[in-house]
Amino acid sequence: MNFLLYISLLTIFLLLINNFFTKKNILISETGDIHQKFASKEKVPLTGGLFLFSSFLFFINDQVLSFILFSFLILLLGIFSDLKHIKSAFSRFLIQISLVLSFVIFNDFQLTNTKILLLDQLLSNELFNYFFVSFCILIVINGTNFFDGLNTLNIGYYLLISLIIYYLEVIHLVSINEVFIEYILIILIITFFLNLFNKIYLGDAGSYLLGFTFSIFLINIYLENPQISPFFIIILLWYPSYETLFSIVRKNIMNKSPMRPDSNHLHQQIFFIIYKKNTLNKYFSNLLSANLINLYNLVVFIISVNFFSNSQIQVLLILLNISLYTFIYFKLFILRYKKI
């Protein structure tokens, strides 16, 4: 079956499922979490993960069977989280660790050259290599979940990454399955517009799946294209990665559990300022906040792609991003909570 027909039928089926879920109040966005006040008050099904995973099945074969299996388990964990069947963030994290580590070991998924001498020496130890790769994947998975909360922010970010990789493939600077990357682009574009018009949310299931898929996808691209700087891959994933690390430090400073969700992430600070300081309603403030963040990342990606093999410039961009994120965050945090 032509994959465009497959996706079209899948989209129609998803909309029917969404209608059923909405009527039956199943897997709906209104779960009462404090961080959800930034999203729409409409009842929107958290079926983004189901759509993304179902679309992967078109490519199922012996080579990706392991990935499909572990993707399903990651999706299932997210669904249980969305349904509040696994309420403990610590329990979810332990399950994430076991799933990701199992995937890495089962597939012998290792990094061999990071261009950091000390790290490469440590990676020569197989056990350390497995744990390090698992750590990187877990950082991206949880960061992707952390910055989910504004329409099109999460999907838009990974859509930008896909466009960058597609561009590199088209001009023959990287070797990758062209059909697969085109397929991923179509999936993300459809999901983007469904999310834009409040027809679908990712939820934990979709966020976990996106983070898992793209961390594996980009590591594979680096392994198969050694001309790429490893720091270019880090640039592409810098936002979810730093979101995770920054949130852990921030919550520890504030004497809060890193495992508990809150409404103090950067995208929420930006939303609050735009919503309170302008006449825009919540929906347009939501979209404007998401697109400002993604516009910044688009500029970063455009710069980085022109130096995709230059590690020095990639490192400078990483440091610049981290510095700007931290500076802007604290400026907005003070502005949001200052006494009037």
C-alpha atoms as a PDB file:
ATOM      1  CA  MET A   1       0.000   0.000   0.000  1.00  0.00           C
ATOM      2  CA  ASN A   2       1.257   3.470  -0.895  1.00  0.00           C
ATOM      3  CA  PHE A   3       2.352   5.191   2.316  1.00  0.00           C
ATOM      4  CA  LEU A   4       0.395   8.379   1.448  1.00  0.00           C
ATOM      5  CA  LEU A   5      -2.782   6.305   1.272  1.00  0.00           C
ATOM      6  CA  TYR A   6      -1.784   4.548   4.479  1.00  0.00           C
ATOM      7  CA  ILE A   7      -1.305   7.869   6.307  1.00  0.00           C
ATOM      8  CA  SER A   8      -4.565   9.277   4.899  1.00  0.00           C
ATOM      9  CA  LEU A   9      -6.551   6.277   6.117  1.00  0.00           C
ATOM     10  CA  LEU A  10      -4.724   6.397   9.444  1.00  0.00           C
ATOM     11  CA  THR A  11      -5.556  10.092   9.886  1.00  0.00           C
ATOM     12  CA  ILE A  12      -9.243   9.505   9.193  1.00  0.00           C
ATOM     13  CA  PHE A  13      -9.250   6.578  11.615  1.00  0.00           C
ATOM     14  CA  LEU A  14      -7.532   8.729  14.256  1.00  0.00           C
ATOM     15  CA  LEU A  15     -10.170  11.471  13.952  1.00  0.00           C
ATOM     16  CA  LEU A  16     -12.901   8.858  14.407  1.00  0.00           C
ATOM     17  CA  ILE A  17     -11.074   7.475  17.457  1.00  0.00           C
ATOM     18  CA  ASN A  18     -10.685  11.017  18.815  1.00  0.00           C
ATOM     19  CA  ASN A  19     -14.408  11.614  18.466  1.00  0.00           C
ATOM     20  CA  PHE A  20     -15.150   8.367  20.302  1.00  0.00           C
ATOM     21  CA  PHE A  21     -12.628   9.102  23.069  1.00  0.00           C
ATOM     22  CA  THR A  22     -14.022  12.613  23.543  1.00  0.00           C
ATOM     23  CA  LYS A  23     -17.591  11.343  23.907  1.00  0.00           C
ATOM     24  CA  LYS A  24     -16.520   8.600  26.310  1.00  0.00           C
ATOM     25  CA  ASN A  25     -14.080  10.911  28.157  1.00  0.00           C
ATOM     26  CA  ILE A  26     -11.186   8.495  27.590  1.00  0.00           C
ATOM     27  CA  LEU A  27      -7.546   9.638  27.424  1.00  0.00           C
ATOM     28  CA  ILE A  28      -8.563  13.305  27.580  1.00  0.00           C
ATOM     29  CA  SER A  29      -6.242  16.268  28.273  1.00  0.00           C
ATOM     30  CA  GLU A  30      -8.149  17.558  31.318  1.00  0.00           C
ATOM     31  CA  THR A  31      -6.359  15.592  34.015  1.00  0.00           C
ATOM     32  CA  GLY A  32      -6.152  18.423  36.571  1.00  0.00           C
ATOM     33  CA  ASP A  33      -2.374  18.827  36.505  1.00  0.00           C
ATOM     34  CA  ILE A  34      -1.260  22.386  37.282  1.00  0.00           C
ATOM     35  CA  HIS A  35       0.987  22.620  34.225  1.00  0.00           C
ATOM     36  CA  GLN A  36      -2.007  21.983  31.934  1.00  0.00           C
ATOM     37  CA  LYS A  37      -3.490  25.421  32.634  1.00  0.00           C
ATOM     38  CA  PHE A  38      -1.369  26.699  29.746  1.00  0.00           C
ATOM     39  CA  ALA A  39      -3.220  24.498  27.285  1.00  0.00           C
ATOM     40  CA  SER A  40      -6.748  24.742  25.941  1.00  0.00           C
ATOM     41  CA  LYS A  41      -9.732  24.109  28.200  1.00  0.00           C
ATOM     42  CA  GLU A  42     -11.262  22.036  25.427  1.00  0.00           C
ATOM     43  CA  LYS A  43     -11.398  18.285  25.787  1.00  0.00           C
ATOM     44  CA  VAL A  44      -8.591  17.195  23.503  1.00  0.00           C
ATOM     45  CA  PRO A  45      -7.619  13.505  23.194  1.00  0.00           C
ATOM     46  CA  LEU A  46      -4.035  12.603  24.106  1.00  0.00           C
ATOM     47  CA  THR A  47      -3.710  10.404  21.029  1.00  0.00           C
ATOM     48  CA  GLY A  48      -0.612  11.907  19.390  1.00  0.00           C
ATOM     49  CA  GLY A  49       1.490   8.967  20.516  1.00  0.00           C
ATOM     50  CA  LEU A  50      -0.998   6.450  19.122  1.00  0.00           C
ATOM     51  CA  PHE A  51      -0.940   8.228  15.759  1.00  0.00           C
ATOM     52  CA  LEU A  52       2.847   8.397  15.602  1.00  0.00           C
ATOM     53  CA  PHE A  53       3.325   4.768  16.601  1.00  0.00           C
ATOM     54  CA  SER A  54       0.645   3.488  14.207  1.00  0.00           C
ATOM     55  CA  SER A  55       2.353   5.320  11.372  1.00  0.00           C
ATOM     56  CA  PHE A  56       5.634   3.525  12.161  1.00  0.00           C
ATOM     57  CA  LEU A  57       3.976   0.173  11.450  1.00  0.00           C
ATOM     58  CA  PHE A  58       4.074   0.917   7.724  1.00  0.00           C
ATOM     59  CA  PHE A  59       7.842   0.344   7.815  1.00  0.00           C
ATOM     60  CA  ILE A  60       7.844  -2.757   9.992  1.00  0.00           C
ATOM     61  CA  ASN A  61      10.426  -5.365   8.979  1.00  0.00           C
ATOM     62  CA  ASP A  62      13.079  -7.558  10.587  1.00  0.00           C
ATOM     63  CA  GLN A  63      15.582  -4.682  10.770  1.00  0.00           C
ATOM     64  CA  VAL A  64      13.336  -2.406  12.825  1.00  0.00           C
ATOM     65  CA  LEU A  65      11.338  -5.031  14.703  1.00  0.00           C
ATOM     66  CA  SER A  66      13.263  -4.390  17.923  1.00  0.00           C
ATOM     67  CA  PHE A  67      12.733  -0.631  17.612  1.00  0.00           C
ATOM     68  CA  ILE A  68       8.988  -1.129  16.987  1.00  0.00           C
ATOM     69  CA  LEU A  69       8.698  -3.409  20.033  1.00  0.00           C
ATOM     70  CA  PHE A  70      10.473  -1.035  22.413  1.00  0.00           C
ATOM     71  CA  SER A  71       8.637   1.950  20.932  1.00  0.00           C
ATOM     72  CA  PHE A  72       5.386   0.198  21.761  1.00  0.00           C
ATOM     73  CA  LEU A  73       6.532  -0.385  25.351  1.00  0.00           C
ATOM     74  CA  ILE A  74       7.562   3.283  25.669  1.00  0.00           C
ATOM     75  CA  LEU A  75       4.177   4.294  24.253  1.00  0.00           C
ATOM     76  CA  LEU A  76       2.391   1.970  26.663  1.00  0.00           C
ATOM     77  CA  LEU A  77       4.242   3.499  29.616  1.00  0.00           C
ATOM     78  CA  GLY A  78       3.156   6.967  28.464  1.00  0.00           C
ATOM     79  CA  ILE A  79      -0.469   5.865  28.067  1.00  0.00           C
ATOM     80  CA  PHE A  80      -0.502   4.450  31.603  1.00  0.00           C
ATOM     81  CA  SER A  81       0.920   7.775  32.765  1.00  0.00           C
ATOM     82  CA  ASP A  82      -1.727   9.765  30.866  1.00  0.00           C
ATOM     83  CA  LEU A  83      -4.467   7.553  32.312  1.00  0.00           C
ATOM     84  CA  LYS A  84      -2.993   8.051  35.811  1.00  0.00           C
ATOM     85  CA  HIS A  85      -2.516   4.319  36.252  1.00  0.00           C
ATOM     86  CA  ILE A  86       1.149   4.992  37.059  1.00  0.00           C
ATOM     87  CA  LYS A  87       1.046   8.161  39.142  1.00  0.00           C
ATOM     88  CA  SER A  88       4.546   7.975  40.609  1.00  0.00           C
ATOM     89  CA  ALA A  89       7.088   9.872  38.485  1.00  0.00           C
ATOM     90  CA  PHE A  90       9.838   7.848  40.152  1.00  0.00           C
ATOM     91  CA  SER A  91       8.184   4.582  39.101  1.00  0.00           C
ATOM     92  CA  ARG A  92       7.834   5.846  35.541  1.00  0.00           C
ATOM     93  CA  PHE A  93      11.483   6.842  35.499  1.00  0.00           C
ATOM     94  CA  LEU A  94      12.598   3.409  36.729  1.00  0.00           C
ATOM     95  CA  ILE A  95      10.547   1.762  33.980  1.00  0.00           C
ATOM     96  CA  GLN A  96      12.073   4.156  31.439  1.00  0.00           C
ATOM     97  CA  ILE A  97      15.555   3.187  32.585  1.00  0.00           C
ATOM     98  CA  SER A  98      14.824  -0.521  32.294  1.00  0.00           C
ATOM     99  CA  LEU A  99      13.285  -0.166  28.828  1.00  0.00           C
ATOM    100  CA  VAL A 100      15.963   2.097  27.375  1.00  0.00           C
ATOM    101  CA  LEU A 101      18.852   0.110  28.864  1.00  0.00           C
ATOM    102  CA  SER A 102      17.316  -3.127  27.579  1.00  0.00           C
ATOM    103  CA  PHE A 103      16.983  -1.651  24.097  1.00  0.00           C
ATOM    104  CA  VAL A 104      20.583  -0.404  24.092  1.00  0.00           C
ATOM    105  CA  ILE A 105      22.045  -3.707  25.293  1.00  0.00           C
ATOM    106  CA  PHE A 106      19.825  -5.881  23.096  1.00  0.00           C
ATOM    107  CA  ASN A 107      20.819  -3.908  19.980  1.00  0.00           C
ATOM    108  CA  ASP A 108      24.444  -3.387  21.064  1.00  0.00           C
ATOM    109  CA  PHE A 109      23.846   0.340  20.580  1.00  0.00           C
ATOM    110  CA  GLN A 110      27.193   2.022  21.304  1.00  0.00           C
ATOM    111  CA  LEU A 111      29.058   5.259  20.671  1.00  0.00           C
ATOM    112  CA  THR A 112      32.709   4.991  19.680  1.00  0.00           C
ATOM    113  CA  ASN A 113      33.922   8.481  18.836  1.00  0.00           C
ATOM    114  CA  THR A 114      32.678  11.645  20.551  1.00  0.00           C
ATOM    115  CA  LYS A 115      35.833  13.690  19.835  1.00  0.00           C
ATOM    116  CA  ILE A 116      36.274  14.071  23.594  1.00  0.00           C
ATOM    117  CA  LEU A 117      39.410  12.117  24.485  1.00  0.00           C
ATOM    118  CA  LEU A 118      38.570  11.263  28.098  1.00  0.00           C
ATOM    119  CA  LEU A 119      34.994  10.294  27.259  1.00  0.00           C
ATOM    120  CA  ASP A 120      36.142   8.119  24.353  1.00  0.00           C
ATOM    121  CA  GLN A 121      38.527   6.301  26.671  1.00  0.00           C
ATOM    122  CA  LEU A 122      35.677   5.641  29.096  1.00  0.00           C
ATOM    123  CA  LEU A 123      33.424   4.516  26.241  1.00  0.00           C
ATOM    124  CA  SER A 124      35.913   1.782  25.411  1.00  0.00           C
ATOM    125  CA  ASN A 125      34.394   0.018  28.393  1.00  0.00           C
ATOM    126  CA  GLU A 126      31.299  -1.704  27.053  1.00  0.00           C
ATOM    127  CA  LEU A 127      29.279  -1.412  30.267  1.00  0.00           C
ATOM    128  CA  PHE A 128      30.003   2.312  30.594  1.00  0.00           C
ATOM    129  CA  ASN A 129      29.116   2.762  26.929  1.00  0.00           C
ATOM    130  CA  TYR A 130      25.705   1.152  27.397  1.00  0.00           C
ATOM    131  CA  PHE A 131      24.928   3.283  30.447  1.00  0.00           C
ATOM    132  CA  PHE A 132      26.148   6.496  28.786  1.00  0.00           C
ATOM    133  CA  VAL A 133      24.044   5.973  25.642  1.00  0.00           C
ATOM    134  CA  SER A 134      21.042   5.097  27.814  1.00  0.00           C
ATOM    135  CA  PHE A 135      21.618   8.245  29.876  1.00  0.00           C
ATOM    136  CA  CYS A 136      21.625  10.396  26.719  1.00  0.00           C
ATOM    137  CA  ILE A 137      18.399   8.837  25.447  1.00  0.00           C
ATOM    138  CA  LEU A 138      16.704   9.272  28.835  1.00  0.00           C
ATOM    139  CA  ILE A 139      17.718  12.948  28.946  1.00  0.00           C
ATOM    140  CA  VAL A 140      16.041  13.549  25.576  1.00  0.00           C
ATOM    141  CA  ILE A 141      12.904  11.546  26.451  1.00  0.00           C
ATOM    142  CA  ASN A 142      12.278  13.460  29.660  1.00  0.00           C
ATOM    143  CA  GLY A 143      13.266  16.822  28.201  1.00  0.00           C
ATOM    144  CA  THR A 144      10.779  16.265  25.382  1.00  0.00           C
ATOM    145  CA  ASN A 145       8.102  15.614  27.980  1.00  0.00           C
ATOM    146  CA  PHE A 146       9.138  18.668  30.018  1.00  0.00           C
ATOM    147  CA  PHE A 147       8.771  21.147  27.176  1.00  0.00           C
ATOM    148  CA  ASP A 148       5.481  19.705  25.955  1.00  0.00           C
ATOM    149  CA  GLY A 149       2.625  22.014  26.930  1.00  0.00           C
ATOM    150  CA  LEU A 150       2.202  24.574  24.166  1.00  0.00           C
ATOM    151  CA  ASN A 151       0.494  23.765  20.892  1.00  0.00           C
ATOM    152  CA  THR A 152       2.996  22.982  18.094  1.00  0.00           C
ATOM    153  CA  LEU A 153       6.076  23.504  20.324  1.00  0.00           C
ATOM    154  CA  ASN A 154       7.055  19.861  20.657  1.00  0.00           C
ATOM    155  CA  ILE A 155       5.932  18.700  17.222  1.00  0.00           C
ATOM    156  CA  GLY A 156       7.301  21.872  15.612  1.00  0.00           C
ATOM    157  CA  TYR A 157      10.715  21.375  17.185  1.00  0.00           C
ATOM    158  CA  TYR A 158      11.094  17.835  15.861  1.00  0.00           C
ATOM    159  CA  LEU A 159       9.662  18.894  12.523  1.00  0.00           C
ATOM    160  CA  LEU A 160      12.518  21.417  12.258  1.00  0.00           C
ATOM    161  CA  ILE A 161      15.054  18.686  13.038  1.00  0.00           C
ATOM    162  CA  SER A 162      13.536  16.480  10.337  1.00  0.00           C
ATOM    163  CA  LEU A 163      13.719  19.316   7.804  1.00  0.00           C
ATOM    164  CA  ILE A 164      17.396  19.883   8.627  1.00  0.00           C
ATOM    165  CA  ILE A 165      18.215  16.193   8.189  1.00  0.00           C
ATOM    166  CA  TYR A 166      16.179  16.060   4.976  1.00  0.00           C
ATOM    167  CA  TYR A 167      18.068  19.072   3.635  1.00  0.00           C
ATOM    168  CA  LEU A 168      21.425  17.406   4.370  1.00  0.00           C
ATOM    169  CA  GLU A 169      20.242  14.244   2.635  1.00  0.00           C
ATOM    170  CA  VAL A 170      18.964  16.111  -0.436  1.00  0.00           C
ATOM    171  CA  ILE A 171      22.296  17.890  -0.961  1.00  0.00           C
ATOM    172  CA  HIS A 172      24.077  14.551  -0.375  1.00  0.00           C
ATOM    173  CA  LEU A 173      25.989  15.575   2.750  1.00  0.00           C
ATOM    174  CA  VAL A 174      24.593  12.679   4.772  1.00  0.00           C
ATOM    175  CA  SER A 175      23.490   9.203   3.792  1.00  0.00           C
ATOM    176  CA  ILE A 176      20.033   8.217   5.014  1.00  0.00           C
ATOM    177  CA  ASN A 177      16.948   6.421   3.735  1.00  0.00           C
ATOM    178  CA  GLU A 178      15.259   9.197   1.705  1.00  0.00           C
ATOM    179  CA  VAL A 179      11.843   7.527   1.747  1.00  0.00           C
ATOM    180  CA  PHE A 180      11.957   7.195   5.527  1.00  0.00           C
ATOM    181  CA  ILE A 181      12.811  10.847   6.200  1.00  0.00           C
ATOM    182  CA  GLU A 182      10.120  11.998   3.752  1.00  0.00           C
ATOM    183  CA  TYR A 183       7.676   9.719   5.531  1.00  0.00           C
ATOM    184  CA  ILE A 184       8.630  11.145   8.940  1.00  0.00           C
ATOM    185  CA  LEU A 185       8.148  14.675   7.580  1.00  0.00           C
ATOM    186  CA  ILE A 186       4.640  13.876   6.361  1.00  0.00           C
ATOM    187  CA  ILE A 187       3.699  12.327   9.707  1.00  0.00           C
ATOM    188  CA  LEU A 188       4.970  15.327  11.658  1.00  0.00           C
ATOM    189  CA  ILE A 189       3.321  17.864   9.329  1.00  0.00           C
ATOM    190  CA  ILE A 190      -0.065  16.165   9.745  1.00  0.00           C
ATOM    191  CA  THR A 191       0.410  15.941  13.516  1.00  0.00           C
ATOM    192  CA  PHE A 192       1.515  19.591  13.579  1.00  0.00           C
ATOM    193  CA  PHE A 193      -1.735  20.808  11.992  1.00  0.00           C
ATOM    194  CA  LEU A 194      -3.901  18.519  14.114  1.00  0.00           C
ATOM    195  CA  ASN A 195      -2.145  19.900  17.190  1.00  0.00           C
ATOM    196  CA  LEU A 196      -2.411  23.469  15.863  1.00  0.00           C
ATOM    197  CA  PHE A 197      -6.208  23.248  15.769  1.00  0.00           C
ATOM    198  CA  ASN A 198      -6.587  21.395  19.093  1.00  0.00           C
ATOM    199  CA  LYS A 199      -7.526  18.092  17.496  1.00  0.00           C
ATOM    200  CA  ILE A 200      -4.739  16.117  19.095  1.00  0.00           C
ATOM    201  CA  TYR A 201      -2.271  16.392  21.990  1.00  0.00           C
ATOM    202  CA  LEU A 202       0.839  14.322  22.513  1.00  0.00           C
ATOM    203  CA  GLY A 203       0.469  13.624  26.206  1.00  0.00           C
ATOM    204  CA  ASP A 204       3.193  11.696  28.001  1.00  0.00           C
ATOM    205  CA  ALA A 205       2.819   8.853  25.492  1.00  0.00           C
ATOM    206  CA  GLY A 206       3.533  11.047  22.480  1.00  0.00           C
ATOM    207  CA  SER A 207       6.319  12.980  24.188  1.00  0.00           C
ATOM    208  CA  TYR A 208       8.090   9.827  25.367  1.00  0.00           C
ATOM    209  CA  LEU A 209       7.791   8.293  21.901  1.00  0.00           C
ATOM    210  CA  LEU A 210       9.095  11.407  20.114  1.00  0.00           C
ATOM    211  CA  GLY A 211      12.089  11.689  22.436  1.00  0.00           C
ATOM    212  CA  PHE A 212      12.907   7.988  22.152  1.00  0.00           C
ATOM    213  CA  THR A 213      12.496   7.914  18.360  1.00  0.00           C
ATOM    214  CA  PHE A 214      14.584  10.976  17.581  1.00  0.00           C
ATOM    215  CA  SER A 215      17.381  10.180  20.029  1.00  0.00           C
ATOM    216  CA  ILE A 216      17.783   6.769  18.367  1.00  0.00           C
ATOM    217  CA  PHE A 217      17.343   8.253  14.898  1.00  0.00           C
ATOM    218  CA  LEU A 218      19.992  10.964  15.348  1.00  0.00           C
ATOM    219  CA  ILE A 219      22.529   8.692  17.034  1.00  0.00           C
ATOM    220  CA  ASN A 220      22.160   6.295  14.100  1.00  0.00           C
ATOM    221  CA  ILE A 221      22.702   9.131  11.641  1.00  0.00           C
ATOM    222  CA  TYR A 222      25.929  10.065  13.433  1.00  0.00           C
ATOM    223  CA  LEU A 223      27.154   6.458  13.527  1.00  0.00           C
ATOM    224  CA  GLU A 224      26.528   6.051   9.797  1.00  0.00           C
ATOM    225  CA  ASN A 225      27.933   9.476   8.840  1.00  0.00           C
ATOM    226  CA  PRO A 226      31.213  10.004  10.729  1.00  0.00           C
ATOM    227  CA  GLN A 227      31.829  13.265   8.843  1.00  0.00           C
ATOM    228  CA  ILE A 228      29.193  14.866  11.077  1.00  0.00           C
ATOM    229  CA  SER A 229      30.407  16.460  14.271  1.00  0.00           C
ATOM    230  CA  PRO A 230      28.858  14.771  17.331  1.00  0.00           C
ATOM    231  CA  PHE A 231      28.243  18.282  18.659  1.00  0.00           C
ATOM    232  CA  PHE A 232      25.979  18.937  15.678  1.00  0.00           C
ATOM    233  CA  ILE A 233      23.734  16.141  16.953  1.00  0.00           C
ATOM    234  CA  ILE A 234      23.838  17.746  20.397  1.00  0.00           C
ATOM    235  CA  ILE A 235      22.812  21.085  18.856  1.00  0.00           C
ATOM    236  CA  LEU A 236      19.782  19.433  17.273  1.00  0.00           C
ATOM    237  CA  LEU A 237      18.758  18.029  20.661  1.00  0.00           C
ATOM    238  CA  TRP A 238      20.077  20.838  22.876  1.00  0.00           C
ATOM    239  CA  TYR A 239      16.673  22.188  23.922  1.00  0.00           C
ATOM    240  CA  PRO A 240      15.102  19.011  25.416  1.00  0.00           C
ATOM    241  CA  SER A 241      18.494  18.011  26.845  1.00  0.00           C
ATOM    242  CA  TYR A 242      19.174  21.305  28.607  1.00  0.00           C
ATOM    243  CA  GLU A 243      15.509  21.530  29.653  1.00  0.00           C
ATOM    244  CA  THR A 244      15.995  18.310  31.608  1.00  0.00           C
ATOM    245  CA  LEU A 245      19.320  19.238  33.217  1.00  0.00           C
ATOM    246  CA  PHE A 246      18.252  22.805  34.013  1.00  0.00           C
ATOM    247  CA  SER A 247      14.944  21.653  35.515  1.00  0.00           C
ATOM    248  CA  ILE A 248      16.687  19.179  37.820  1.00  0.00           C
ATOM    249  CA  VAL A 249      19.066  21.870  39.113  1.00  0.00           C
ATOM    250  CA  ARG A 250      16.287  24.487  39.343  1.00  0.00           C
ATOM    251  CA  LYS A 251      13.954  22.250  41.326  1.00  0.00           C
ATOM    252  CA  ASN A 252      16.740  21.190  43.690  1.00  0.00           C
ATOM    253  CA  ILE A 253      17.570  24.854  44.362  1.00  0.00           C
ATOM    254  CA  MET A 254      13.878  25.498  45.055  1.00  0.00           C
ATOM    255  CA  ASN A 255      13.723  22.426  47.338  1.00  0.00           C
ATOM    256  CA  LYS A 256      11.268  20.695  45.016  1.00  0.00           C
ATOM    257  CA  SER A 257      11.339  17.154  43.759  1.00  0.00           C
ATOM    258  CA  PRO A 258      12.771  16.910  40.222  1.00  0.00           C
ATOM    259  CA  MET A 259      10.163  14.209  39.626  1.00  0.00           C
ATOM    260  CA  ARG A 260       7.142  16.474  40.173  1.00  0.00           C
ATOM    261  CA  PRO A 261       5.737  18.537  37.263  1.00  0.00           C
ATOM    262  CA  ASP A 262       5.419  22.285  37.696  1.00  0.00           C
ATOM    263  CA  SER A 263       4.569  25.394  35.692  1.00  0.00           C
ATOM    264  CA  ASN A 264       7.993  27.041  35.797  1.00  0.00           C
ATOM    265  CA  HIS A 265       9.579  25.784  32.593  1.00  0.00           C
ATOM    266  CA  LEU A 266      10.909  28.328  30.101  1.00  0.00           C
ATOM    267  CA  HIS A 267       8.024  27.938  27.646  1.00  0.00           C
ATOM    268  CA  GLN A 268       5.578  28.551  30.488  1.00  0.00           C
ATOM    269  CA  GLN A 269       7.447  31.685  31.591  1.00  0.00           C
ATOM    270  CA  ILE A 270       7.274  33.006  28.038  1.00  0.00           C
ATOM    271  CA  PHE A 271       3.581  32.142  27.776  1.00  0.00           C
ATOM    272  CA  PHE A 272       2.782  33.882  31.050  1.00  0.00           C
ATOM    273  CA  ILE A 273       4.497  37.128  30.017  1.00  0.00           C
ATOM    274  CA  ILE A 274       2.860  37.180  26.566  1.00  0.00           C
ATOM    275  CA  TYR A 275      -0.582  36.307  27.945  1.00  0.00           C
ATOM    276  CA  LYS A 276      -0.521  38.798  30.811  1.00  0.00           C
ATOM    277  CA  LYS A 277       1.153  41.702  29.021  1.00  0.00           C
ATOM    278  CA  ASN A 278      -0.924  41.621  25.806  1.00  0.00           C
ATOM    279  CA  THR A 279      -4.548  41.441  24.730  1.00  0.00           C
ATOM    280  CA  LEU A 280      -4.124  38.056  23.059  1.00  0.00           C
ATOM    281  CA  ASN A 281      -6.327  35.241  24.291  1.00  0.00           C
ATOM    282  CA  LYS A 282      -4.884  32.032  25.700  1.00  0.00           C
ATOM    283  CA  TYR A 283      -4.931  30.158  22.385  1.00  0.00           C
ATOM    284  CA  PHE A 284      -2.968  32.785  20.437  1.00  0.00           C
ATOM    285  CA  SER A 285      -0.618  33.443  23.372  1.00  0.00           C
ATOM    286  CA  ASN A 286       0.020  29.705  23.406  1.00  0.00           C
ATOM    287  CA  LEU A 287       0.854  29.598  19.689  1.00  0.00           C
ATOM    288  CA  LEU A 288       2.948  32.782  19.762  1.00  0.00           C
ATOM    289  CA  SER A 289       5.043  31.467  22.659  1.00  0.00           C
ATOM    290  CA  ALA A 290       5.658  28.134  20.917  1.00  0.00           C
ATOM    291  CA  ASN A 291       6.574  29.721  17.603  1.00  0.00           C
ATOM    292  CA  LEU A 292       8.961  32.239  19.172  1.00  0.00           C
ATOM    293  CA  ILE A 293      10.891  29.353  20.720  1.00  0.00           C
ATOM    294  CA  ASN A 294      10.884  27.343  17.504  1.00  0.00           C
ATOM    295  CA  LEU A 295      11.852  30.399  15.451  1.00  0.00           C
ATOM    296  CA  TYR A 296      14.903  30.838  17.656  1.00  0.00           C
ATOM    297  CA  ASN A 297      15.792  27.173  17.254  1.00  0.00           C
ATOM    298  CA  LEU A 298      15.316  27.422  13.490  1.00  0.00           C
ATOM    299  CA  VAL A 299      17.921  30.206  13.379  1.00  0.00           C
ATOM    300  CA  VAL A 300      20.287  28.093  15.491  1.00  0.00           C
ATOM    301  CA  PHE A 301      19.776  25.063  13.245  1.00  0.00           C
ATOM    302  CA  ILE A 302      20.347  27.085  10.063  1.00  0.00           C
ATOM    303  CA  ILE A 303      23.644  28.371  11.442  1.00  0.00           C
ATOM    304  CA  SER A 304      24.739  24.967  12.700  1.00  0.00           C
ATOM    305  CA  VAL A 305      23.891  23.100   9.486  1.00  0.00           C
ATOM    306  CA  ASN A 306      26.359  25.285   7.594  1.00  0.00           C
ATOM    307  CA  PHE A 307      29.120  24.034   9.913  1.00  0.00           C
ATOM    308  CA  PHE A 308      27.830  20.517  10.536  1.00  0.00           C
ATOM    309  CA  SER A 309      31.357  19.038  10.593  1.00  0.00           C
ATOM    310  CA  ASN A 310      32.998  21.850  12.578  1.00  0.00           C
ATOM    311  CA  SER A 311      33.028  20.842  16.249  1.00  0.00           C
ATOM    312  CA  GLN A 312      34.458  24.158  17.482  1.00  0.00           C
ATOM    313  CA  ILE A 313      31.581  26.186  16.076  1.00  0.00           C
ATOM    314  CA  GLN A 314      29.041  23.625  17.296  1.00  0.00           C
ATOM    315  CA  VAL A 315      30.435  23.850  20.827  1.00  0.00           C
ATOM    316  CA  LEU A 316      30.250  27.654  20.704  1.00  0.00           C
ATOM    317  CA  LEU A 317      26.620  27.431  19.624  1.00  0.00           C
ATOM    318  CA  ILE A 318      25.853  25.018  22.459  1.00  0.00           C
ATOM    319  CA  LEU A 319      27.425  27.379  25.000  1.00  0.00           C
ATOM    320  CA  LEU A 320      25.551  30.338  23.491  1.00  0.00           C
ATOM    321  CA  ASN A 321      22.236  28.504  23.688  1.00  0.00           C
ATOM    322  CA  ILE A 322      22.804  27.468  27.288  1.00  0.00           C
ATOM    323  CA  SER A 323      23.800  31.005  28.284  1.00  0.00           C
ATOM    324  CA  LEU A 324      20.827  32.631  26.539  1.00  0.00           C
ATOM    325  CA  TYR A 325      18.373  30.076  27.913  1.00  0.00           C
ATOM    326  CA  THR A 326      19.608  30.622  31.477  1.00  0.00           C
ATOM    327  CA  PHE A 327      19.702  34.421  31.190  1.00  0.00           C
ATOM    328  CA  ILE A 328      16.242  34.700  29.598  1.00  0.00           C
ATOM    329  CA  TYR A 329      14.770  32.217  32.053  1.00  0.00           C
ATOM    330  CA  PHE A 330      15.817  34.153  35.139  1.00  0.00           C
ATOM    331  CA  LYS A 331      14.816  37.502  33.626  1.00  0.00           C
ATOM    332  CA  LEU A 332      11.332  36.174  32.880  1.00  0.00           C
ATOM    333  CA  PHE A 333      11.083  34.400  36.229  1.00  0.00           C
ATOM    334  CA  ILE A 334      11.811  37.624  38.085  1.00  0.00           C
ATOM    335  CA  LEU A 335       9.393  39.574  35.877  1.00  0.00           C
ATOM    336  CA  ARG A 336       6.659  37.014  36.435  1.00  0.00           C
ATOM    337  CA  TYR A 337       6.912  36.830  40.210  1.00  0.00           C
ATOM    338  CA  LYS A 338       8.060  40.349  41.121  1.00  0.00           C
ATOM    339  CA  LYS A 339       5.854  42.275  43.507  1.00  0.00           C
ATOM    340  CA  ILE A 340       3.776  44.986  41.893  1.00  0.00           C
END
